[in-house]
């Protein structure tokens, strides 16, 4: 479907509500091996120059929402550095090709954000290779489904919190000295922050923490001209889901409980991140934009 064909399409039918087959990948998984392949906007997102001259760092930018944001940012005129796990190199290179085809600079920054030293390294490399930094998207996340609270191990809880919230603190702290007035930070939270599912309660807890972190940081940085906001996705078809993020048997019905009757695609999130990063949202501070197919949320 082309961009022009989207003008008046019924949102419930923009993408078919077909059942994804049961499938499983080892964590963190590869988007290229998913059935069906998620839409990150490679063929559908067309920019209008709203981020011309921006220099952005996106964590978790190899696939899913992060990849869609990277594609959108590039097509809006930004140069983009993406961080990802080394095992996700194949997906990351695909995103880099799309960025470069848009005529923008792509910087690949592999590294595990659960390791404390990674945060400062990727920020410094992004600043060096982009010539500065004025947009940060904290998107990297870990989600592992576990049936039964008693089965959530210390190791799993620790790794989930390290990746989802502790790393966000570290990356943001490393980036702050480089952010000048007019810069933006957008954090990825989730519908899980408001309507948590028992089988991913550790993930849901981190998403609630991210929401709170975003609002508090927004108040501190607003007087400095740096805006902080968040996006809360609903059920989005990303590699998190088949890579142990959902029970395998739940995948065929994933997202069908939303009012739109289907899971969202990563590219449907991208406009929210573009808006919050662009000057058009200059009076939007400490907000959370919900992109969830109609699920009730505050």
C-alpha atoms as a PDB file:
ATOM      1  CA  UNK A   1       0.000   0.000   0.000  1.00  0.00           C
ATOM      2  CA  UNK A   2       1.450   3.376  -0.979  1.00  0.00           C
ATOM      3  CA  UNK A   3       1.479   6.534   1.121  1.00  0.00           C
ATOM      4  CA  UNK A   4      -1.090   8.169  -1.177  1.00  0.00           C
ATOM      5  CA  UNK A   5      -3.519   5.289  -0.680  1.00  0.00           C
ATOM      6  CA  UNK A   6      -3.598   5.913   3.084  1.00  0.00           C
ATOM      7  CA  UNK A   7      -5.455   9.227   2.924  1.00  0.00           C
ATOM      8  CA  UNK A   8      -8.966   7.964   3.672  1.00  0.00           C
ATOM      9  CA  UNK A   9      -8.437   4.347   4.586  1.00  0.00           C
ATOM     10  CA  UNK A  10     -10.416   2.750   7.406  1.00  0.00           C
ATOM     11  CA  UNK A  11      -7.846   2.374  10.222  1.00  0.00           C
ATOM     12  CA  UNK A  12      -9.336  -0.952  11.217  1.00  0.00           C
ATOM     13  CA  UNK A  13      -8.432  -2.274   7.784  1.00  0.00           C
ATOM     14  CA  UNK A  14      -5.168  -0.501   7.020  1.00  0.00           C
ATOM     15  CA  UNK A  15      -3.552  -3.829   7.880  1.00  0.00           C
ATOM     16  CA  UNK A  16      -5.349  -7.168   7.806  1.00  0.00           C
ATOM     17  CA  UNK A  17      -6.357  -8.646  11.139  1.00  0.00           C
ATOM     18  CA  UNK A  18      -4.979 -11.993  10.051  1.00  0.00           C
ATOM     19  CA  UNK A  19      -3.701 -14.437  12.618  1.00  0.00           C
ATOM     20  CA  UNK A  20       0.068 -14.659  12.859  1.00  0.00           C
ATOM     21  CA  UNK A  21       1.128 -18.303  12.987  1.00  0.00           C
ATOM     22  CA  UNK A  22       2.556 -19.702  16.178  1.00  0.00           C
ATOM     23  CA  UNK A  23       6.300 -19.054  16.035  1.00  0.00           C
ATOM     24  CA  UNK A  24       9.241 -18.709  18.357  1.00  0.00           C
ATOM     25  CA  UNK A  25      12.742 -17.276  18.223  1.00  0.00           C
ATOM     26  CA  UNK A  26      15.533 -17.140  20.782  1.00  0.00           C
ATOM     27  CA  UNK A  27      15.735 -13.765  22.497  1.00  0.00           C
ATOM     28  CA  UNK A  28      16.248 -11.065  21.163  1.00  0.00           C
ATOM     29  CA  UNK A  29      15.183 -12.456  17.769  1.00  0.00           C
ATOM     30  CA  UNK A  30      15.402 -11.080  14.242  1.00  0.00           C
ATOM     31  CA  UNK A  31      12.660  -9.130  12.527  1.00  0.00           C
ATOM     32  CA  UNK A  32      13.685 -10.616   9.182  1.00  0.00           C
ATOM     33  CA  UNK A  33      12.570 -14.056  10.395  1.00  0.00           C
ATOM     34  CA  UNK A  34       9.084 -13.012  11.541  1.00  0.00           C
ATOM     35  CA  UNK A  35       5.877 -14.146   9.819  1.00  0.00           C
ATOM     36  CA  UNK A  36       4.432 -11.794   8.716  1.00  0.00           C
ATOM     37  CA  UNK A  37       7.224  -9.223   8.524  1.00  0.00           C
ATOM     38  CA  UNK A  38       6.335  -6.019  10.419  1.00  0.00           C
ATOM     39  CA  UNK A  39       5.918  -2.767   8.506  1.00  0.00           C
ATOM     40  CA  UNK A  40       8.604  -0.285   9.611  1.00  0.00           C
ATOM     41  CA  UNK A  41       7.604   2.251   6.964  1.00  0.00           C
ATOM     42  CA  UNK A  42      10.185   1.376   4.319  1.00  0.00           C
ATOM     43  CA  UNK A  43       7.515   1.586   1.596  1.00  0.00           C
ATOM     44  CA  UNK A  44       4.881   3.708   3.323  1.00  0.00           C
ATOM     45  CA  UNK A  45       6.464   6.557   5.314  1.00  0.00           C
ATOM     46  CA  UNK A  46       7.101   9.761   3.384  1.00  0.00           C
ATOM     47  CA  UNK A  47       8.630  12.707   5.202  1.00  0.00           C
ATOM     48  CA  UNK A  48       8.087  16.438   4.849  1.00  0.00           C
ATOM     49  CA  UNK A  49      11.325  17.812   6.312  1.00  0.00           C
ATOM     50  CA  UNK A  50      10.070  18.335   9.858  1.00  0.00           C
ATOM     51  CA  UNK A  51      13.365  17.141  11.411  1.00  0.00           C
ATOM     52  CA  UNK A  52      15.796  18.678   8.950  1.00  0.00           C
ATOM     53  CA  UNK A  53      19.248  18.982  10.511  1.00  0.00           C
ATOM     54  CA  UNK A  54      18.446  16.932  13.593  1.00  0.00           C
ATOM     55  CA  UNK A  55      20.983  14.466  14.992  1.00  0.00           C
ATOM     56  CA  UNK A  56      19.266  11.587  16.753  1.00  0.00           C
ATOM     57  CA  UNK A  57      20.270   8.585  18.838  1.00  0.00           C
ATOM     58  CA  UNK A  58      17.693   5.787  18.979  1.00  0.00           C
ATOM     59  CA  UNK A  59      18.188   2.785  21.244  1.00  0.00           C
ATOM     60  CA  UNK A  60      16.665  -0.458  20.037  1.00  0.00           C
ATOM     61  CA  UNK A  61      16.724   1.002  16.542  1.00  0.00           C
ATOM     62  CA  UNK A  62      17.327  -2.202  14.598  1.00  0.00           C
ATOM     63  CA  UNK A  63      13.741  -3.449  14.485  1.00  0.00           C
ATOM     64  CA  UNK A  64      10.164  -2.791  15.483  1.00  0.00           C
ATOM     65  CA  UNK A  65       9.236   0.624  16.823  1.00  0.00           C
ATOM     66  CA  UNK A  66      12.842   1.816  17.006  1.00  0.00           C
ATOM     67  CA  UNK A  67      13.446   0.904  13.365  1.00  0.00           C
ATOM     68  CA  UNK A  68      10.246   2.622  12.276  1.00  0.00           C
ATOM     69  CA  UNK A  69      11.273   5.759  14.160  1.00  0.00           C
ATOM     70  CA  UNK A  70      14.729   5.644  12.552  1.00  0.00           C
ATOM     71  CA  UNK A  71      13.187   5.375   9.078  1.00  0.00           C
ATOM     72  CA  UNK A  72      10.759   8.221   9.771  1.00  0.00           C
ATOM     73  CA  UNK A  73      13.423  10.469  11.279  1.00  0.00           C
ATOM     74  CA  UNK A  74      15.686   9.974   8.259  1.00  0.00           C
ATOM     75  CA  UNK A  75      12.882  10.743   5.838  1.00  0.00           C
ATOM     76  CA  UNK A  76      12.088  13.848   7.856  1.00  0.00           C
ATOM     77  CA  UNK A  77      15.688  15.032   7.390  1.00  0.00           C
ATOM     78  CA  UNK A  78      17.536  13.755  10.470  1.00  0.00           C
ATOM     79  CA  UNK A  79      20.836  11.932  10.687  1.00  0.00           C
ATOM     80  CA  UNK A  80      20.393   8.853  12.850  1.00  0.00           C
ATOM     81  CA  UNK A  81      22.516   6.654  15.117  1.00  0.00           C
ATOM     82  CA  UNK A  82      20.938   3.390  16.224  1.00  0.00           C
ATOM     83  CA  UNK A  83      21.950   1.154  19.110  1.00  0.00           C
ATOM     84  CA  UNK A  84      21.152  -2.557  19.135  1.00  0.00           C
ATOM     85  CA  UNK A  85      22.419  -5.896  20.414  1.00  0.00           C
ATOM     86  CA  UNK A  86      25.306  -7.354  18.376  1.00  0.00           C
ATOM     87  CA  UNK A  87      23.175 -10.389  17.462  1.00  0.00           C
ATOM     88  CA  UNK A  88      20.741  -8.037  15.698  1.00  0.00           C
ATOM     89  CA  UNK A  89      23.317  -6.820  13.164  1.00  0.00           C
ATOM     90  CA  UNK A  90      21.352  -8.131  10.164  1.00  0.00           C
ATOM     91  CA  UNK A  91      18.281  -6.088  11.038  1.00  0.00           C
ATOM     92  CA  UNK A  92      20.392  -3.033  11.918  1.00  0.00           C
ATOM     93  CA  UNK A  93      22.140  -3.027   8.545  1.00  0.00           C
ATOM     94  CA  UNK A  94      18.776  -3.166   6.781  1.00  0.00           C
ATOM     95  CA  UNK A  95      17.635  -0.061   8.677  1.00  0.00           C
ATOM     96  CA  UNK A  96      20.935   1.688   7.920  1.00  0.00           C
ATOM     97  CA  UNK A  97      20.410   1.069   4.202  1.00  0.00           C
ATOM     98  CA  UNK A  98      16.991   2.721   4.367  1.00  0.00           C
ATOM     99  CA  UNK A  99      18.420   5.723   6.228  1.00  0.00           C
ATOM    100  CA  UNK A 100      21.218   6.145   3.706  1.00  0.00           C
ATOM    101  CA  UNK A 101      18.834   5.759   0.770  1.00  0.00           C
ATOM    102  CA  UNK A 102      16.981   8.747   2.213  1.00  0.00           C
ATOM    103  CA  UNK A 103      20.232  10.695   1.858  1.00  0.00           C
ATOM    104  CA  UNK A 104      20.979  10.828   5.574  1.00  0.00           C
ATOM    105  CA  UNK A 105      23.851   9.582   7.739  1.00  0.00           C
ATOM    106  CA  UNK A 106      23.380   6.229   9.483  1.00  0.00           C
ATOM    107  CA  UNK A 107      25.597   5.281  12.432  1.00  0.00           C
ATOM    108  CA  UNK A 108      25.520   1.715  13.770  1.00  0.00           C
ATOM    109  CA  UNK A 109      26.257   1.331  17.481  1.00  0.00           C
ATOM    110  CA  UNK A 110      26.068  -2.293  18.637  1.00  0.00           C
ATOM    111  CA  UNK A 111      26.153  -2.829  22.381  1.00  0.00           C
ATOM    112  CA  UNK A 112      24.239  -4.375  25.262  1.00  0.00           C
ATOM    113  CA  UNK A 113      22.605  -1.628  27.313  1.00  0.00           C
ATOM    114  CA  UNK A 114      22.321  -3.918  30.332  1.00  0.00           C
ATOM    115  CA  UNK A 115      26.084  -3.420  30.641  1.00  0.00           C
ATOM    116  CA  UNK A 116      26.610  -0.041  32.377  1.00  0.00           C
ATOM    117  CA  UNK A 117      29.591   1.054  30.296  1.00  0.00           C
ATOM    118  CA  UNK A 118      27.623   0.784  27.047  1.00  0.00           C
ATOM    119  CA  UNK A 119      25.539   3.896  27.700  1.00  0.00           C
ATOM    120  CA  UNK A 120      28.389   6.395  27.771  1.00  0.00           C
ATOM    121  CA  UNK A 121      30.163   4.700  24.876  1.00  0.00           C
ATOM    122  CA  UNK A 122      27.241   4.832  22.450  1.00  0.00           C
ATOM    123  CA  UNK A 123      26.462   8.441  23.341  1.00  0.00           C
ATOM    124  CA  UNK A 124      30.042   9.553  22.798  1.00  0.00           C
ATOM    125  CA  UNK A 125      30.248   7.669  19.499  1.00  0.00           C
ATOM    126  CA  UNK A 126      26.933   9.135  18.331  1.00  0.00           C
ATOM    127  CA  UNK A 127      28.073  12.659  19.176  1.00  0.00           C
ATOM    128  CA  UNK A 128      31.406  12.139  17.447  1.00  0.00           C
ATOM    129  CA  UNK A 129      30.037  10.596  14.266  1.00  0.00           C
ATOM    130  CA  UNK A 130      26.931  12.774  13.944  1.00  0.00           C
ATOM    131  CA  UNK A 131      28.721  15.973  14.901  1.00  0.00           C
ATOM    132  CA  UNK A 132      26.500  16.500  17.924  1.00  0.00           C
ATOM    133  CA  UNK A 133      23.248  15.279  19.454  1.00  0.00           C
ATOM    134  CA  UNK A 134      19.897  17.008  19.856  1.00  0.00           C
ATOM    135  CA  UNK A 135      17.345  14.185  19.830  1.00  0.00           C
ATOM    136  CA  UNK A 136      17.321  11.083  22.029  1.00  0.00           C
ATOM    137  CA  UNK A 137      14.805   8.256  21.732  1.00  0.00           C
ATOM    138  CA  UNK A 138      15.056   5.743  24.585  1.00  0.00           C
ATOM    139  CA  UNK A 139      13.305   2.764  23.053  1.00  0.00           C
ATOM    140  CA  UNK A 140      15.313  -0.397  23.798  1.00  0.00           C
ATOM    141  CA  UNK A 141      13.328  -2.939  25.763  1.00  0.00           C
ATOM    142  CA  UNK A 142      13.295  -6.501  27.049  1.00  0.00           C
ATOM    143  CA  UNK A 143      10.068  -8.481  27.468  1.00  0.00           C
ATOM    144  CA  UNK A 144       9.936 -12.153  28.495  1.00  0.00           C
ATOM    145  CA  UNK A 145       6.634 -13.878  29.242  1.00  0.00           C
ATOM    146  CA  UNK A 146       6.518 -16.015  32.396  1.00  0.00           C
ATOM    147  CA  UNK A 147       3.451 -17.826  33.657  1.00  0.00           C
ATOM    148  CA  UNK A 148       3.162 -17.351  37.420  1.00  0.00           C
ATOM    149  CA  UNK A 149       4.704 -14.699  39.641  1.00  0.00           C
ATOM    150  CA  UNK A 150       6.638 -17.332  41.575  1.00  0.00           C
ATOM    151  CA  UNK A 151       8.498 -18.203  38.382  1.00  0.00           C
ATOM    152  CA  UNK A 152       9.931 -14.722  37.822  1.00  0.00           C
ATOM    153  CA  UNK A 153      13.565 -15.284  38.745  1.00  0.00           C
ATOM    154  CA  UNK A 154      15.927 -12.739  40.234  1.00  0.00           C
ATOM    155  CA  UNK A 155      18.005 -12.986  37.075  1.00  0.00           C
ATOM    156  CA  UNK A 156      15.084 -12.198  34.780  1.00  0.00           C
ATOM    157  CA  UNK A 157      13.839  -9.318  36.898  1.00  0.00           C
ATOM    158  CA  UNK A 158      17.345  -7.884  37.103  1.00  0.00           C
ATOM    159  CA  UNK A 159      17.950  -8.113  33.339  1.00  0.00           C
ATOM    160  CA  UNK A 160      14.566  -6.588  32.508  1.00  0.00           C
ATOM    161  CA  UNK A 161      15.079  -3.636  34.836  1.00  0.00           C
ATOM    162  CA  UNK A 162      18.675  -3.147  33.678  1.00  0.00           C
ATOM    163  CA  UNK A 163      17.627  -2.959  30.028  1.00  0.00           C
ATOM    164  CA  UNK A 164      14.342  -1.111  30.326  1.00  0.00           C
ATOM    165  CA  UNK A 165      14.815   1.515  33.031  1.00  0.00           C
ATOM    166  CA  UNK A 166      18.344   1.509  34.474  1.00  0.00           C
ATOM    167  CA  UNK A 167      19.862   1.838  31.000  1.00  0.00           C
ATOM    168  CA  UNK A 168      17.456   4.684  30.258  1.00  0.00           C
ATOM    169  CA  UNK A 169      18.796   6.582  33.257  1.00  0.00           C
ATOM    170  CA  UNK A 170      22.386   5.974  32.163  1.00  0.00           C
ATOM    171  CA  UNK A 171      21.914   6.842  28.477  1.00  0.00           C
ATOM    172  CA  UNK A 172      20.015  10.008  29.361  1.00  0.00           C
ATOM    173  CA  UNK A 173      22.619  11.099  31.903  1.00  0.00           C
ATOM    174  CA  UNK A 174      25.361  10.536  29.326  1.00  0.00           C
ATOM    175  CA  UNK A 175      23.452  12.506  26.689  1.00  0.00           C
ATOM    176  CA  UNK A 176      22.488  15.519  28.808  1.00  0.00           C
ATOM    177  CA  UNK A 177      25.824  17.385  28.571  1.00  0.00           C
ATOM    178  CA  UNK A 178      25.416  17.386  24.783  1.00  0.00           C
ATOM    179  CA  UNK A 179      21.788  18.539  24.620  1.00  0.00           C
ATOM    180  CA  UNK A 180      21.225  22.237  23.999  1.00  0.00           C
ATOM    181  CA  UNK A 181      17.953  24.198  24.238  1.00  0.00           C
ATOM    182  CA  UNK A 182      15.570  22.892  21.607  1.00  0.00           C
ATOM    183  CA  UNK A 183      16.683  19.303  22.095  1.00  0.00           C
ATOM    184  CA  UNK A 184      14.188  16.546  22.829  1.00  0.00           C
ATOM    185  CA  UNK A 185      13.980  13.233  24.657  1.00  0.00           C
ATOM    186  CA  UNK A 186      11.230  10.726  23.855  1.00  0.00           C
ATOM    187  CA  UNK A 187      10.890   7.570  25.945  1.00  0.00           C
ATOM    188  CA  UNK A 188       8.952   4.439  25.045  1.00  0.00           C
ATOM    189  CA  UNK A 189       6.563   3.354  27.786  1.00  0.00           C
ATOM    190  CA  UNK A 190       3.529   1.077  27.155  1.00  0.00           C
ATOM    191  CA  UNK A 191      -0.143   0.392  27.707  1.00  0.00           C
ATOM    192  CA  UNK A 192       1.311  -2.084  30.211  1.00  0.00           C
ATOM    193  CA  UNK A 193       2.068   0.867  32.486  1.00  0.00           C
ATOM    194  CA  UNK A 194      -1.711   1.323  32.875  1.00  0.00           C
ATOM    195  CA  UNK A 195      -3.180  -2.125  32.204  1.00  0.00           C
ATOM    196  CA  UNK A 196      -0.508  -4.674  33.182  1.00  0.00           C
ATOM    197  CA  UNK A 197      -0.611  -8.307  32.074  1.00  0.00           C
ATOM    198  CA  UNK A 198       0.341 -10.847  34.757  1.00  0.00           C
ATOM    199  CA  UNK A 199       2.606 -12.869  32.455  1.00  0.00           C
ATOM    200  CA  UNK A 200       4.893  -9.858  31.815  1.00  0.00           C
ATOM    201  CA  UNK A 201       4.588  -8.100  35.162  1.00  0.00           C
ATOM    202  CA  UNK A 202       8.301  -7.283  35.441  1.00  0.00           C
ATOM    203  CA  UNK A 203       8.152  -5.621  32.011  1.00  0.00           C
ATOM    204  CA  UNK A 204       4.956  -3.788  32.983  1.00  0.00           C
ATOM    205  CA  UNK A 205       6.581  -2.498  36.163  1.00  0.00           C
ATOM    206  CA  UNK A 206       9.474  -1.001  34.190  1.00  0.00           C
ATOM    207  CA  UNK A 207       7.056   0.692  31.806  1.00  0.00           C
ATOM    208  CA  UNK A 208       5.231   2.333  34.702  1.00  0.00           C
ATOM    209  CA  UNK A 209       8.616   3.500  36.002  1.00  0.00           C
ATOM    210  CA  UNK A 210       9.486   4.949  32.578  1.00  0.00           C
ATOM    211  CA  UNK A 211       6.267   6.942  32.553  1.00  0.00           C
ATOM    212  CA  UNK A 212       7.033   8.413  35.963  1.00  0.00           C
ATOM    213  CA  UNK A 213      10.684   9.032  35.051  1.00  0.00           C
ATOM    214  CA  UNK A 214       9.631  10.893  31.903  1.00  0.00           C
ATOM    215  CA  UNK A 215       7.275  13.230  33.736  1.00  0.00           C
ATOM    216  CA  UNK A 216       9.746  14.020  36.506  1.00  0.00           C
ATOM    217  CA  UNK A 217      12.636  14.619  34.115  1.00  0.00           C
ATOM    218  CA  UNK A 218      10.414  16.808  31.948  1.00  0.00           C
ATOM    219  CA  UNK A 219       9.813  19.153  34.870  1.00  0.00           C
ATOM    220  CA  UNK A 220      13.521  19.450  35.606  1.00  0.00           C
ATOM    221  CA  UNK A 221      14.675  20.023  32.033  1.00  0.00           C
ATOM    222  CA  UNK A 222      11.884  22.237  30.710  1.00  0.00           C
ATOM    223  CA  UNK A 223      13.447  25.458  32.096  1.00  0.00           C
ATOM    224  CA  UNK A 224      16.605  24.528  30.172  1.00  0.00           C
ATOM    225  CA  UNK A 225      14.649  24.311  26.913  1.00  0.00           C
ATOM    226  CA  UNK A 226      14.889  20.521  26.679  1.00  0.00           C
ATOM    227  CA  UNK A 227      11.551  18.764  26.265  1.00  0.00           C
ATOM    228  CA  UNK A 228      10.894  15.242  27.566  1.00  0.00           C
ATOM    229  CA  UNK A 229       7.833  13.218  26.563  1.00  0.00           C
ATOM    230  CA  UNK A 230       6.805   9.587  26.125  1.00  0.00           C
ATOM    231  CA  UNK A 231       4.890   7.329  23.772  1.00  0.00           C
ATOM    232  CA  UNK A 232       2.799   4.443  25.104  1.00  0.00           C
ATOM    233  CA  UNK A 233       2.278   1.746  22.455  1.00  0.00           C
ATOM    234  CA  UNK A 234      -0.433  -0.862  22.670  1.00  0.00           C
ATOM    235  CA  UNK A 235      -0.036  -4.344  21.147  1.00  0.00           C
ATOM    236  CA  UNK A 236       2.432  -3.787  18.287  1.00  0.00           C
ATOM    237  CA  UNK A 237       3.688  -6.564  16.000  1.00  0.00           C
ATOM    238  CA  UNK A 238       7.410  -6.520  16.736  1.00  0.00           C
ATOM    239  CA  UNK A 239      10.076  -9.136  17.300  1.00  0.00           C
ATOM    240  CA  UNK A 240       9.552  -8.794  21.058  1.00  0.00           C
ATOM    241  CA  UNK A 241       6.399 -10.871  20.688  1.00  0.00           C
ATOM    242  CA  UNK A 242       7.699 -14.113  19.065  1.00  0.00           C
ATOM    243  CA  UNK A 243      11.078 -13.835  20.843  1.00  0.00           C
ATOM    244  CA  UNK A 244       9.553 -15.051  24.133  1.00  0.00           C
ATOM    245  CA  UNK A 245       7.619 -11.832  24.760  1.00  0.00           C
ATOM    246  CA  UNK A 246       4.262 -13.614  24.493  1.00  0.00           C
ATOM    247  CA  UNK A 247       3.194 -17.213  24.987  1.00  0.00           C
ATOM    248  CA  UNK A 248       3.488 -18.901  21.586  1.00  0.00           C
ATOM    249  CA  UNK A 249      -0.131 -19.997  21.625  1.00  0.00           C
ATOM    250  CA  UNK A 250      -1.276 -16.385  22.147  1.00  0.00           C
ATOM    251  CA  UNK A 251       0.319 -15.022  18.963  1.00  0.00           C
ATOM    252  CA  UNK A 252      -2.541 -15.865  16.535  1.00  0.00           C
ATOM    253  CA  UNK A 253      -4.892 -13.636  18.575  1.00  0.00           C
ATOM    254  CA  UNK A 254      -2.335 -10.940  19.412  1.00  0.00           C
ATOM    255  CA  UNK A 255      -3.891  -7.462  19.285  1.00  0.00           C
ATOM    256  CA  UNK A 256      -7.377  -8.619  18.325  1.00  0.00           C
ATOM    257  CA  UNK A 257      -8.789  -7.470  21.668  1.00  0.00           C
ATOM    258  CA  UNK A 258      -8.340  -3.796  20.732  1.00  0.00           C
ATOM    259  CA  UNK A 259     -11.288  -1.729  19.452  1.00  0.00           C
ATOM    260  CA  UNK A 260      -9.625  -1.689  16.009  1.00  0.00           C
ATOM    261  CA  UNK A 261      -9.502  -5.465  16.143  1.00  0.00           C
ATOM    262  CA  UNK A 262      -5.865  -5.898  15.163  1.00  0.00           C
ATOM    263  CA  UNK A 263      -2.299  -5.412  16.327  1.00  0.00           C
ATOM    264  CA  UNK A 264      -0.556  -2.213  15.339  1.00  0.00           C
ATOM    265  CA  UNK A 265       2.416  -2.015  12.997  1.00  0.00           C
ATOM    266  CA  UNK A 266       5.644  -0.239  14.005  1.00  0.00           C
ATOM    267  CA  UNK A 267       5.250   2.467  11.358  1.00  0.00           C
ATOM    268  CA  UNK A 268       1.963   3.511  12.952  1.00  0.00           C
ATOM    269  CA  UNK A 269       3.959   4.643  16.010  1.00  0.00           C
ATOM    270  CA  UNK A 270       6.518   6.706  14.107  1.00  0.00           C
ATOM    271  CA  UNK A 271       4.416   9.879  13.603  1.00  0.00           C
ATOM    272  CA  UNK A 272       4.051  10.270  17.377  1.00  0.00           C
ATOM    273  CA  UNK A 273       7.833  10.277  17.836  1.00  0.00           C
ATOM    274  CA  UNK A 274       8.278  12.663  14.909  1.00  0.00           C
ATOM    275  CA  UNK A 275       5.717  15.058  16.393  1.00  0.00           C
ATOM    276  CA  UNK A 276       7.313  15.020  19.857  1.00  0.00           C
ATOM    277  CA  UNK A 277      10.766  15.621  18.352  1.00  0.00           C
ATOM    278  CA  UNK A 278       9.699  18.380  15.953  1.00  0.00           C
ATOM    279  CA  UNK A 279       9.289  22.092  16.804  1.00  0.00           C
ATOM    280  CA  UNK A 280       5.565  21.644  16.145  1.00  0.00           C
ATOM    281  CA  UNK A 281       5.234  20.170  19.658  1.00  0.00           C
ATOM    282  CA  UNK A 282       7.091  23.030  21.366  1.00  0.00           C
ATOM    283  CA  UNK A 283       4.444  23.368  24.119  1.00  0.00           C
ATOM    284  CA  UNK A 284       4.159  19.618  24.762  1.00  0.00           C
ATOM    285  CA  UNK A 285       6.168  18.714  27.864  1.00  0.00           C
ATOM    286  CA  UNK A 286       5.844  15.712  30.186  1.00  0.00           C
ATOM    287  CA  UNK A 287       3.087  14.164  28.084  1.00  0.00           C
ATOM    288  CA  UNK A 288       2.440  10.573  27.092  1.00  0.00           C
ATOM    289  CA  UNK A 289       0.904   9.944  23.687  1.00  0.00           C
ATOM    290  CA  UNK A 290      -1.102   6.720  23.573  1.00  0.00           C
ATOM    291  CA  UNK A 291      -0.951   4.765  20.314  1.00  0.00           C
ATOM    292  CA  UNK A 292      -2.828   1.614  21.155  1.00  0.00           C
ATOM    293  CA  UNK A 293      -5.705   0.922  18.769  1.00  0.00           C
ATOM    294  CA  UNK A 294      -8.321   2.346  21.128  1.00  0.00           C
ATOM    295  CA  UNK A 295      -7.524   0.651  24.422  1.00  0.00           C
ATOM    296  CA  UNK A 296      -8.763   2.686  27.385  1.00  0.00           C
ATOM    297  CA  UNK A 297      -5.956   4.555  29.122  1.00  0.00           C
ATOM    298  CA  UNK A 298      -5.573   7.733  31.182  1.00  0.00           C
END
